[in-house]
Structure formats: structure tokens, C-alpha cells
């Protein structure tokens, strides 16, 4: 199992699969996870070969929500907002075709 909290896998079909990877904590959101998620979404949005971004969670659940042990890190973070023609995102991702 990878130690990365967010995994990125680009398929030949133009699909970018981004997975929250904290199954031991039901993929609960932390400041670090949010920062890594933003990086992976940025990577996918900059790649012209990516047509669709699929966001999923490792293990038995997508996400339990905020990790209460890291709540102070999350509260101080700015929300992610994308406006680059590919996607509009506020914390989670809404995809649209180009």
C-alpha cells in the first residue's frame, strides 16, 4: 500500500483517476490530503489528454468527512476553486466537457 494520501492514475482512455488514500481513517479529510488533492487536480487540469476526472476513495468508503483530529488545519485552509474552462471546483470537483 502506498504512503501517499492521494493517488493519481491516468488511463490511456483520457480518464484521470484520483483516489483519496487514507482507508484506515475512511479517507477523512486533513490539511495534507486537501493540499495533495489540489496538486493532483491541477495536474489533471493541465493535461490536455485528460477528458474526465474521476474522484474516488480507497477502501470501504469514499470519505468520512473532516478528520476531527486535524480540524484546525482544515478550518484555516482556503477552498479550492478552479476556473480554467475544464472544471469549476469548490472543495470537490464538478467536471464539464471542454
PDB file of N, CA and C in Angstrom:
ATOM      1  N   UNK A   1       0.838  -1.189   0.000  1.00  0.00           N
ATOM      2  CA  UNK A   1       0.000   0.000   0.000  1.00  0.00           C
ATOM      3  C   UNK A   1       0.877   1.245   0.000  1.00  0.00           C
ATOM      4  N   UNK A   2       0.492   2.242  -0.757  1.00  0.00           N
ATOM      5  CA  UNK A   2       1.248   3.479  -0.868  1.00  0.00           C
ATOM      6  C   UNK A   2       1.072   4.348   0.375  1.00  0.00           C
ATOM      7  N   UNK A   3       2.116   5.120   0.698  1.00  0.00           N
ATOM      8  CA  UNK A   3       2.032   6.065   1.814  1.00  0.00           C
ATOM      9  C   UNK A   3       1.448   7.402   1.378  1.00  0.00           C
ATOM     10  N   UNK A   4       1.207   7.569   0.080  1.00  0.00           N
ATOM     11  CA  UNK A   4       0.636   8.818  -0.417  1.00  0.00           C
ATOM     12  C   UNK A   4      -0.833   8.918  -0.015  1.00  0.00           C
ATOM     13  N   UNK A   5      -1.251  10.110   0.420  1.00  0.00           N
ATOM     14  CA  UNK A   5      -2.636  10.283   0.863  1.00  0.00           C
ATOM     15  C   UNK A   5      -3.596  10.500  -0.302  1.00  0.00           C
ATOM     16  N   UNK A   6      -3.051  10.843  -1.480  1.00  0.00           N
ATOM     17  CA  UNK A   6      -3.861  10.963  -2.695  1.00  0.00           C
ATOM     18  C   UNK A   6      -3.096  10.290  -3.825  1.00  0.00           C
ATOM     19  N   UNK A   7      -3.769   9.398  -4.535  1.00  0.00           N
ATOM     20  CA  UNK A   7      -3.148   8.683  -5.647  1.00  0.00           C
ATOM     21  C   UNK A   7      -3.674   9.237  -6.972  1.00  0.00           C
ATOM     22  N   UNK A   8      -2.829   9.198  -8.008  1.00  0.00           N
ATOM     23  CA  UNK A   8      -3.203   9.699  -9.335  1.00  0.00           C
ATOM     24  C   UNK A   8      -2.817   8.650 -10.366  1.00  0.00           C
ATOM     25  N   UNK A   9      -3.768   8.294 -11.215  1.00  0.00           N
ATOM     26  CA  UNK A   9      -3.513   7.319 -12.270  1.00  0.00           C
ATOM     27  C   UNK A   9      -4.213   7.795 -13.531  1.00  0.00           C
ATOM     28  N   UNK A  10      -3.430   8.057 -14.575  1.00  0.00           N
ATOM     29  CA  UNK A  10      -4.006   8.486 -15.846  1.00  0.00           C
ATOM     30  C   UNK A  10      -4.121   7.277 -16.760  1.00  0.00           C
ATOM     31  N   UNK A  11      -5.325   7.020 -17.236  1.00  0.00           N
ATOM     32  CA  UNK A  11      -5.597   5.909 -18.141  1.00  0.00           C
ATOM     33  C   UNK A  11      -5.418   6.364 -19.589  1.00  0.00           C
ATOM     34  N   UNK A  12      -5.144   5.421 -20.484  1.00  0.00           N
ATOM     35  CA  UNK A  12      -5.000   5.728 -21.908  1.00  0.00           C
ATOM     36  C   UNK A  12      -6.279   6.293 -22.513  1.00  0.00           C
ATOM     37  N   UNK A  13      -7.399   6.030 -21.893  1.00  0.00           N
ATOM     38  CA  UNK A  13      -8.696   6.455 -22.409  1.00  0.00           C
ATOM     39  C   UNK A  13      -9.012   7.925 -22.136  1.00  0.00           C
ATOM     40  N   UNK A  14      -8.078   8.664 -21.534  1.00  0.00           N
ATOM     41  CA  UNK A  14      -8.324  10.071 -21.222  1.00  0.00           C
ATOM     42  C   UNK A  14      -8.970  10.289 -19.869  1.00  0.00           C
ATOM     43  N   UNK A  15      -8.967   9.270 -19.038  1.00  0.00           N
ATOM     44  CA  UNK A  15      -9.554   9.347 -17.703  1.00  0.00           C
ATOM     45  C   UNK A  15      -8.434   9.476 -16.672  1.00  0.00           C
ATOM     46  N   UNK A  16      -8.545  10.465 -15.814  1.00  0.00           N
ATOM     47  CA  UNK A  16      -7.628  10.608 -14.679  1.00  0.00           C
ATOM     48  C   UNK A  16      -8.371  10.108 -13.447  1.00  0.00           C
ATOM     49  N   UNK A  17      -7.801   9.106 -12.804  1.00  0.00           N
ATOM     50  CA  UNK A  17      -8.397   8.553 -11.588  1.00  0.00           C
ATOM     51  C   UNK A  17      -7.631   9.109 -10.394  1.00  0.00           C
ATOM     52  N   UNK A  18      -8.324   9.880  -9.560  1.00  0.00           N
ATOM     53  CA  UNK A  18      -7.728  10.456  -8.356  1.00  0.00           C
ATOM     54  C   UNK A  18      -8.404   9.798  -7.159  1.00  0.00           C
ATOM     55  N   UNK A  19      -7.589   9.169  -6.296  1.00  0.00           N
ATOM     56  CA  UNK A  19      -8.135   8.414  -5.171  1.00  0.00           C
ATOM     57  C   UNK A  19      -7.641   8.968  -3.841  1.00  0.00           C
ATOM     58  N   UNK A  20      -8.583   9.258  -2.952  1.00  0.00           N
ATOM     59  CA  UNK A  20      -8.227   9.574  -1.574  1.00  0.00           C
ATOM     60  C   UNK A  20      -7.689   8.283  -0.982  1.00  0.00           C
ATOM     61  N   UNK A  21      -6.553   8.335  -0.282  1.00  0.00           N
ATOM     62  CA  UNK A  21      -5.889   7.108   0.135  1.00  0.00           C
ATOM     63  C   UNK A  21      -5.556   7.105   1.629  1.00  0.00           C
ATOM     64  N   UNK A  22      -6.597   7.183   2.444  1.00  0.00           N
ATOM     65  CA  UNK A  22      -6.461   7.023   3.894  1.00  0.00           C
ATOM     66  C   UNK A  22      -7.522   6.041   4.363  1.00  0.00           C
ATOM     67  N   UNK A  23      -7.510   4.813   3.824  1.00  0.00           N
ATOM     68  CA  UNK A  23      -8.590   3.879   4.139  1.00  0.00           C
ATOM     69  C   UNK A  23      -8.690   3.544   5.623  1.00  0.00           C
ATOM     70  N   UNK A  24      -7.582   3.621   6.341  1.00  0.00           N
ATOM     71  CA  UNK A  24      -7.608   3.354   7.782  1.00  0.00           C
ATOM     72  C   UNK A  24      -8.415   4.392   8.542  1.00  0.00           C
ATOM     73  N   UNK A  25      -8.607   5.575   7.952  1.00  0.00           N
ATOM     74  CA  UNK A  25      -9.388   6.660   8.566  1.00  0.00           C
ATOM     75  C   UNK A  25     -10.621   6.990   7.718  1.00  0.00           C
ATOM     76  N   UNK A  26     -11.046   6.026   6.898  1.00  0.00           N
ATOM     77  CA  UNK A  26     -12.178   6.215   5.982  1.00  0.00           C
ATOM     78  C   UNK A  26     -11.998   7.463   5.114  1.00  0.00           C
ATOM     79  N   UNK A  27     -10.747   7.709   4.710  1.00  0.00           N
ATOM     80  CA  UNK A  27     -10.402   8.824   3.830  1.00  0.00           C
ATOM     81  C   UNK A  27     -10.847  10.174   4.376  1.00  0.00           C
ATOM     82  N   UNK A  28     -10.806  10.306   5.696  1.00  0.00           N
ATOM     83  CA  UNK A  28     -11.171  11.571   6.334  1.00  0.00           C
ATOM     84  C   UNK A  28     -10.218  12.672   5.857  1.00  0.00           C
ATOM     85  N   UNK A  29     -10.766  13.850   5.652  1.00  0.00           N
ATOM     86  CA  UNK A  29     -10.046  14.984   5.066  1.00  0.00           C
ATOM     87  C   UNK A  29      -9.160  15.656   6.108  1.00  0.00           C
ATOM     88  N   UNK A  30      -7.894  15.875   5.728  1.00  0.00           N
ATOM     89  CA  UNK A  30      -6.936  16.627   6.546  1.00  0.00           C
ATOM     90  C   UNK A  30      -6.374  17.751   5.681  1.00  0.00           C
ATOM     91  N   UNK A  31      -5.613  18.627   6.293  1.00  0.00           N
ATOM     92  CA  UNK A  31      -4.951  19.684   5.532  1.00  0.00           C
ATOM     93  C   UNK A  31      -4.011  19.119   4.489  1.00  0.00           C
ATOM     94  N   UNK A  32      -3.247  18.097   4.862  1.00  0.00           N
ATOM     95  CA  UNK A  32      -2.316  17.478   3.915  1.00  0.00           C
ATOM     96  C   UNK A  32      -3.062  16.835   2.752  1.00  0.00           C
ATOM     97  N   UNK A  33      -4.136  16.107   3.038  1.00  0.00           N
ATOM     98  CA  UNK A  33      -4.903  15.470   1.973  1.00  0.00           C
ATOM     99  C   UNK A  33      -5.467  16.519   1.023  1.00  0.00           C
ATOM    100  N   UNK A  34      -5.990  17.603   1.553  1.00  0.00           N
ATOM    101  CA  UNK A  34      -6.550  18.659   0.722  1.00  0.00           C
ATOM    102  C   UNK A  34      -5.485  19.272  -0.181  1.00  0.00           C
ATOM    103  N   UNK A  35      -4.293  19.522   0.353  1.00  0.00           N
ATOM    104  CA  UNK A  35      -3.196  20.084  -0.446  1.00  0.00           C
ATOM    105  C   UNK A  35      -2.779  19.125  -1.558  1.00  0.00           C
ATOM    106  N   UNK A  36      -2.656  17.826  -1.239  1.00  0.00           N
ATOM    107  CA  UNK A  36      -2.278  16.823  -2.253  1.00  0.00           C
ATOM    108  C   UNK A  36      -3.379  16.670  -3.295  1.00  0.00           C
ATOM    109  N   UNK A  37      -4.645  16.731  -2.860  1.00  0.00           N
ATOM    110  CA  UNK A  37      -5.769  16.643  -3.789  1.00  0.00           C
ATOM    111  C   UNK A  37      -5.733  17.802  -4.777  1.00  0.00           C
ATOM    112  N   UNK A  38      -5.471  18.996  -4.287  1.00  0.00           N
ATOM    113  CA  UNK A  38      -5.366  20.162  -5.169  1.00  0.00           C
ATOM    114  C   UNK A  38      -4.247  19.966  -6.189  1.00  0.00           C
ATOM    115  N   UNK A  39      -3.104  19.458  -5.761  1.00  0.00           N
ATOM    116  CA  UNK A  39      -1.991  19.210  -6.681  1.00  0.00           C
ATOM    117  C   UNK A  39      -2.386  18.231  -7.781  1.00  0.00           C
ATOM    118  N   UNK A  40      -3.041  17.136  -7.404  1.00  0.00           N
ATOM    119  CA  UNK A  40      -3.427  16.110  -8.384  1.00  0.00           C
ATOM    120  C   UNK A  40      -4.487  16.639  -9.346  1.00  0.00           C
ATOM    121  N   UNK A  41      -5.439  17.420  -8.850  1.00  0.00           N
ATOM    122  CA  UNK A  41      -6.452  18.016  -9.723  1.00  0.00           C
ATOM    123  C   UNK A  41      -5.789  19.002 -10.680  1.00  0.00           C
ATOM    124  N   UNK A  42      -4.844  19.796 -10.170  1.00  0.00           N
ATOM    125  CA  UNK A  42      -4.091  20.721 -11.036  1.00  0.00           C
ATOM    126  C   UNK A  42      -3.371  19.959 -12.140  1.00  0.00           C
ATOM    127  N   UNK A  43      -2.715  18.834 -11.786  1.00  0.00           N
ATOM    128  CA  UNK A  43      -2.013  18.020 -12.781  1.00  0.00           C
ATOM    129  C   UNK A  43      -2.973  17.560 -13.871  1.00  0.00           C
ATOM    130  N   UNK A  44      -4.137  17.081 -13.479  1.00  0.00           N
ATOM    131  CA  UNK A  44      -5.118  16.584 -14.442  1.00  0.00           C
ATOM    132  C   UNK A  44      -5.659  17.715 -15.311  1.00  0.00           C
ATOM    133  N   UNK A  45      -5.906  18.869 -14.719  1.00  0.00           N
ATOM    134  CA  UNK A  45      -6.462  20.002 -15.474  1.00  0.00           C
ATOM    135  C   UNK A  45      -5.466  20.562 -16.484  1.00  0.00           C
ATOM    136  N   UNK A  46      -4.189  20.435 -16.207  1.00  0.00           N
ATOM    137  CA  UNK A  46      -3.159  20.938 -17.119  1.00  0.00           C
ATOM    138  C   UNK A  46      -2.857  19.968 -18.264  1.00  0.00           C
ATOM    139  N   UNK A  47      -3.327  18.737 -18.152  1.00  0.00           N
ATOM    140  CA  UNK A  47      -3.046  17.704 -19.140  1.00  0.00           C
ATOM    141  C   UNK A  47      -4.150  17.685 -20.193  1.00  0.00           C
ATOM    142  N   UNK A  48      -3.814  18.082 -21.429  1.00  0.00           N
ATOM    143  CA  UNK A  48      -4.805  18.136 -22.499  1.00  0.00           C
ATOM    144  C   UNK A  48      -5.360  16.765 -22.868  1.00  0.00           C
ATOM    145  N   UNK A  49      -4.653  15.699 -22.535  1.00  0.00           N
ATOM    146  CA  UNK A  49      -5.126  14.347 -22.830  1.00  0.00           C
ATOM    147  C   UNK A  49      -6.211  13.883 -21.865  1.00  0.00           C
ATOM    148  N   UNK A  50      -6.329  14.538 -20.731  1.00  0.00           N
ATOM    149  CA  UNK A  50      -7.344  14.159 -19.736  1.00  0.00           C
ATOM    150  C   UNK A  50      -8.669  14.804 -20.117  1.00  0.00           C
ATOM    151  N   UNK A  51      -9.671  13.954 -20.300  1.00  0.00           N
ATOM    152  CA  UNK A  51     -11.020  14.416 -20.667  1.00  0.00           C
ATOM    153  C   UNK A  51     -11.987  14.347 -19.486  1.00  0.00           C
ATOM    154  N   UNK A  52     -11.714  13.425 -18.547  1.00  0.00           N
ATOM    155  CA  UNK A  52     -12.597  13.196 -17.407  1.00  0.00           C
ATOM    156  C   UNK A  52     -11.744  12.961 -16.164  1.00  0.00           C
ATOM    157  N   UNK A  53     -12.166  13.524 -15.052  1.00  0.00           N
ATOM    158  CA  UNK A  53     -11.523  13.271 -13.765  1.00  0.00           C
ATOM    159  C   UNK A  53     -12.517  12.507 -12.895  1.00  0.00           C
ATOM    160  N   UNK A  54     -12.091  11.343 -12.415  1.00  0.00           N
ATOM    161  CA  UNK A  54     -12.920  10.545 -11.514  1.00  0.00           C
ATOM    162  C   UNK A  54     -12.280  10.623 -10.134  1.00  0.00           C
ATOM    163  N   UNK A  55     -13.058  11.066  -9.164  1.00  0.00           N
ATOM    164  CA  UNK A  55     -12.581  11.176  -7.784  1.00  0.00           C
ATOM    165  C   UNK A  55     -13.204  10.052  -6.977  1.00  0.00           C
ATOM    166  N   UNK A  56     -12.359   9.256  -6.328  1.00  0.00           N
ATOM    167  CA  UNK A  56     -12.837   8.102  -5.584  1.00  0.00           C
ATOM    168  C   UNK A  56     -12.076   7.981  -4.266  1.00  0.00           C
ATOM    169  N   UNK A  57     -12.487   7.042  -3.442  1.00  0.00           N
ATOM    170  CA  UNK A  57     -11.815   6.805  -2.173  1.00  0.00           C
ATOM    171  C   UNK A  57     -11.355   5.361  -2.066  1.00  0.00           C
ATOM    172  N   UNK A  58     -10.188   5.146  -1.493  1.00  0.00           N
ATOM    173  CA  UNK A  58      -9.667   3.797  -1.270  1.00  0.00           C
ATOM    174  C   UNK A  58     -10.390   3.159  -0.091  1.00  0.00           C
ATOM    175  N   UNK A  59     -10.521   1.847  -0.134  1.00  0.00           N
ATOM    176  CA  UNK A  59     -11.131   1.139   0.985  1.00  0.00           C
ATOM    177  C   UNK A  59     -12.637   1.076   0.892  1.00  0.00           C
ATOM    178  N   UNK A  60     -13.284   1.019   2.044  1.00  0.00           N
ATOM    179  CA  UNK A  60     -14.721   0.742   2.075  1.00  0.00           C
ATOM    180  C   UNK A  60     -15.618   1.975   2.025  1.00  0.00           C
ATOM    181  N   UNK A  61     -15.041   3.173   1.993  1.00  0.00           N
ATOM    182  CA  UNK A  61     -15.870   4.368   1.934  1.00  0.00           C
ATOM    183  C   UNK A  61     -15.190   5.491   1.188  1.00  0.00           C
ATOM    184  N   UNK A  62     -15.983   6.335   0.547  1.00  0.00           N
ATOM    185  CA  UNK A  62     -15.410   7.470  -0.176  1.00  0.00           C
ATOM    186  C   UNK A  62     -14.704   8.401   0.789  1.00  0.00           C
ATOM    187  N   UNK A  63     -15.424   8.938   1.768  1.00  0.00           N
ATOM    188  CA  UNK A  63     -14.822   9.820   2.764  1.00  0.00           C
ATOM    189  C   UNK A  63     -15.770   9.973   3.949  1.00  0.00           C
ATOM    190  N   UNK A  64     -15.187   9.958   5.126  1.00  0.00           N
ATOM    191  CA  UNK A  64     -15.969  10.160   6.350  1.00  0.00           C
ATOM    192  C   UNK A  64     -16.199  11.649   6.623  1.00  0.00           C
ATOM    193  N   UNK A  65     -15.611  12.518   5.790  1.00  0.00           N
ATOM    194  CA  UNK A  65     -15.705  13.957   6.026  1.00  0.00           C
ATOM    195  C   UNK A  65     -14.419  14.448   6.671  1.00  0.00           C
ATOM    196  N   UNK A  66     -14.529  15.479   7.445  1.00  0.00           N
ATOM    197  CA  UNK A  66     -13.344  16.067   8.074  1.00  0.00           C
ATOM    198  C   UNK A  66     -12.782  15.149   9.154  1.00  0.00           C
ATOM    199  N   UNK A  67     -11.461  15.054   9.205  1.00  0.00           N
ATOM    200  CA  UNK A  67     -10.778  14.310  10.262  1.00  0.00           C
ATOM    201  C   UNK A  67     -10.768  15.201  11.503  1.00  0.00           C
ATOM    202  N   UNK A  68     -11.500  14.826  12.507  1.00  0.00           N
ATOM    203  CA  UNK A  68     -11.641  15.649  13.708  1.00  0.00           C
ATOM    204  C   UNK A  68     -10.308  15.872  14.425  1.00  0.00           C
ATOM    205  N   UNK A  69      -9.334  14.973  14.214  1.00  0.00           N
ATOM    206  CA  UNK A  69      -8.012  15.158  14.813  1.00  0.00           C
ATOM    207  C   UNK A  69      -7.219  16.256  14.118  1.00  0.00           C
ATOM    208  N   UNK A  70      -7.644  16.653  12.918  1.00  0.00           N
ATOM    209  CA  UNK A  70      -6.930  17.671  12.132  1.00  0.00           C
ATOM    210  C   UNK A  70      -7.825  18.848  11.781  1.00  0.00           C
ATOM    211  N   UNK A  71      -8.892  19.024  12.500  1.00  0.00           N
ATOM    212  CA  UNK A  71      -9.887  20.034  12.162  1.00  0.00           C
ATOM    213  C   UNK A  71      -9.308  21.441  12.085  1.00  0.00           C
ATOM    214  N   UNK A  72      -8.395  21.787  12.955  1.00  0.00           N
ATOM    215  CA  UNK A  72      -7.837  23.147  12.942  1.00  0.00           C
ATOM    216  C   UNK A  72      -7.067  23.406  11.647  1.00  0.00           C
ATOM    217  N   UNK A  73      -6.419  22.388  11.061  1.00  0.00           N
ATOM    218  CA  UNK A  73      -5.716  22.551   9.782  1.00  0.00           C
ATOM    219  C   UNK A  73      -6.688  22.812   8.656  1.00  0.00           C
ATOM    220  N   UNK A  74      -7.832  22.154   8.684  1.00  0.00           N
ATOM    221  CA  UNK A  74      -8.807  22.278   7.602  1.00  0.00           C
ATOM    222  C   UNK A  74      -9.512  23.623   7.661  1.00  0.00           C
ATOM    223  N   UNK A  75      -9.865  24.075   8.843  1.00  0.00           N
ATOM    224  CA  UNK A  75     -10.616  25.322   9.011  1.00  0.00           C
ATOM    225  C   UNK A  75      -9.842  26.516   8.466  1.00  0.00           C
ATOM    226  N   UNK A  76      -8.517  26.496   8.566  1.00  0.00           N
ATOM    227  CA  UNK A  76      -7.716  27.639   8.137  1.00  0.00           C
ATOM    228  C   UNK A  76      -7.376  27.610   6.642  1.00  0.00           C
ATOM    229  N   UNK A  77      -7.756  26.554   5.930  1.00  0.00           N
ATOM    230  CA  UNK A  77      -7.419  26.444   4.507  1.00  0.00           C
ATOM    231  C   UNK A  77      -8.430  27.189   3.648  1.00  0.00           C
ATOM    232  N   UNK A  78      -7.953  27.714   2.522  1.00  0.00           N
ATOM    233  CA  UNK A  78      -8.834  28.348   1.547  1.00  0.00           C
ATOM    234  C   UNK A  78      -9.497  27.257   0.714  1.00  0.00           C
ATOM    235  N   UNK A  79     -10.764  27.458   0.311  1.00  0.00           N
ATOM    236  CA  UNK A  79     -11.406  26.460  -0.556  1.00  0.00           C
ATOM    237  C   UNK A  79     -10.756  26.447  -1.936  1.00  0.00           C
ATOM    238  N   UNK A  80     -10.766  25.276  -2.570  1.00  0.00           N
ATOM    239  CA  UNK A  80     -10.213  25.151  -3.916  1.00  0.00           C
ATOM    240  C   UNK A  80     -11.266  25.595  -4.920  1.00  0.00           C
ATOM    241  N   UNK A  81     -10.922  26.533  -5.769  1.00  0.00           N
ATOM    242  CA  UNK A  81     -11.833  26.991  -6.823  1.00  0.00           C
ATOM    243  C   UNK A  81     -11.059  27.007  -8.130  1.00  0.00           C
ATOM    244  N   UNK A  82     -11.590  26.318  -9.139  1.00  0.00           N
ATOM    245  CA  UNK A  82     -10.949  26.272 -10.450  1.00  0.00           C
ATOM    246  C   UNK A  82     -11.845  26.944 -11.476  1.00  0.00           C
ATOM    247  N   UNK A  83     -11.246  27.730 -12.319  1.00  0.00           N
ATOM    248  CA  UNK A  83     -11.968  28.318 -13.442  1.00  0.00           C
ATOM    249  C   UNK A  83     -11.017  28.346 -14.624  1.00  0.00           C
ATOM    250  N   UNK A  84     -10.834  27.204 -15.252  1.00  0.00           N
ATOM    251  CA  UNK A  84      -9.895  27.159 -16.365  1.00  0.00           C
ATOM    252  C   UNK A  84     -10.524  26.554 -17.610  1.00  0.00           C
ATOM    253  N   UNK A  85     -11.831  26.587 -17.705  1.00  0.00           N
ATOM    254  CA  UNK A  85     -12.502  26.048 -18.869  1.00  0.00           C
ATOM    255  C   UNK A  85     -12.740  24.547 -18.775  1.00  0.00           C
ATOM    256  N   UNK A  86     -11.993  23.859 -17.955  1.00  0.00           N
ATOM    257  CA  UNK A  86     -12.152  22.411 -17.818  1.00  0.00           C
ATOM    258  C   UNK A  86     -13.040  22.063 -16.635  1.00  0.00           C
ATOM    259  N   UNK A  87     -12.908  22.797 -15.561  1.00  0.00           N
ATOM    260  CA  UNK A  87     -13.668  22.424 -14.369  1.00  0.00           C
ATOM    261  C   UNK A  87     -13.894  23.624 -13.467  1.00  0.00           C
ATOM    262  N   UNK A  88     -14.952  23.583 -12.737  1.00  0.00           N
ATOM    263  CA  UNK A  88     -15.226  24.545 -11.671  1.00  0.00           C
ATOM    264  C   UNK A  88     -15.285  23.721 -10.402  1.00  0.00           C
ATOM    265  N   UNK A  89     -14.417  24.038  -9.455  1.00  0.00           N
ATOM    266  CA  UNK A  89     -14.323  23.222  -8.257  1.00  0.00           C
ATOM    267  C   UNK A  89     -14.411  24.085  -7.016  1.00  0.00           C
ATOM    268  N   UNK A  90     -15.253  23.704  -6.106  1.00  0.00           N
ATOM    269  CA  UNK A  90     -15.273  24.282  -4.773  1.00  0.00           C
ATOM    270  C   UNK A  90     -15.195  23.097  -3.813  1.00  0.00           C
ATOM    271  N   UNK A  91     -14.009  22.866  -3.276  1.00  0.00           N
ATOM    272  CA  UNK A  91     -13.666  21.767  -2.394  1.00  0.00           C
ATOM    273  C   UNK A  91     -13.717  20.420  -3.114  1.00  0.00           C
ATOM    274  N   UNK A  92     -14.817  20.036  -3.735  1.00  0.00           N
ATOM    275  CA  UNK A  92     -14.869  18.837  -4.540  1.00  0.00           C
ATOM    276  C   UNK A  92     -15.084  19.231  -5.991  1.00  0.00           C
ATOM    277  N   UNK A  93     -15.048  18.292  -6.870  1.00  0.00           N
ATOM    278  CA  UNK A  93     -14.909  18.561  -8.295  1.00  0.00           C
ATOM    279  C   UNK A  93     -16.198  18.336  -9.069  1.00  0.00           C
ATOM    280  N   UNK A  94     -16.541  19.305  -9.903  1.00  0.00           N
ATOM    281  CA  UNK A  94     -17.615  19.166 -10.877  1.00  0.00           C
ATOM    282  C   UNK A  94     -16.947  19.247 -12.240  1.00  0.00           C
ATOM    283  N   UNK A  95     -17.038  18.205 -13.036  1.00  0.00           N
ATOM    284  CA  UNK A  95     -16.386  18.194 -14.354  1.00  0.00           C
ATOM    285  C   UNK A  95     -17.360  18.606 -15.430  1.00  0.00           C
ATOM    286  N   UNK A  96     -16.852  19.250 -16.430  1.00  0.00           N
ATOM    287  CA  UNK A  96     -17.638  19.600 -17.598  1.00  0.00           C
ATOM    288  C   UNK A  96     -16.766  19.356 -18.824  1.00  0.00           C
ATOM    289  N   UNK A  97     -17.386  19.117 -19.954  1.00  0.00           N
ATOM    290  CA  UNK A  97     -16.591  18.880 -21.167  1.00  0.00           C
ATOM    291  C   UNK A  97     -16.004  20.183 -21.656  1.00  0.00           C
ATOM    292  N   UNK A  98     -14.875  20.043 -22.372  1.00  0.00           N
ATOM    293  CA  UNK A  98     -14.205  21.246 -22.887  1.00  0.00           C
ATOM    294  C   UNK A  98     -14.873  21.782 -24.106  1.00  0.00           C
TER     295      UNK A  98
END
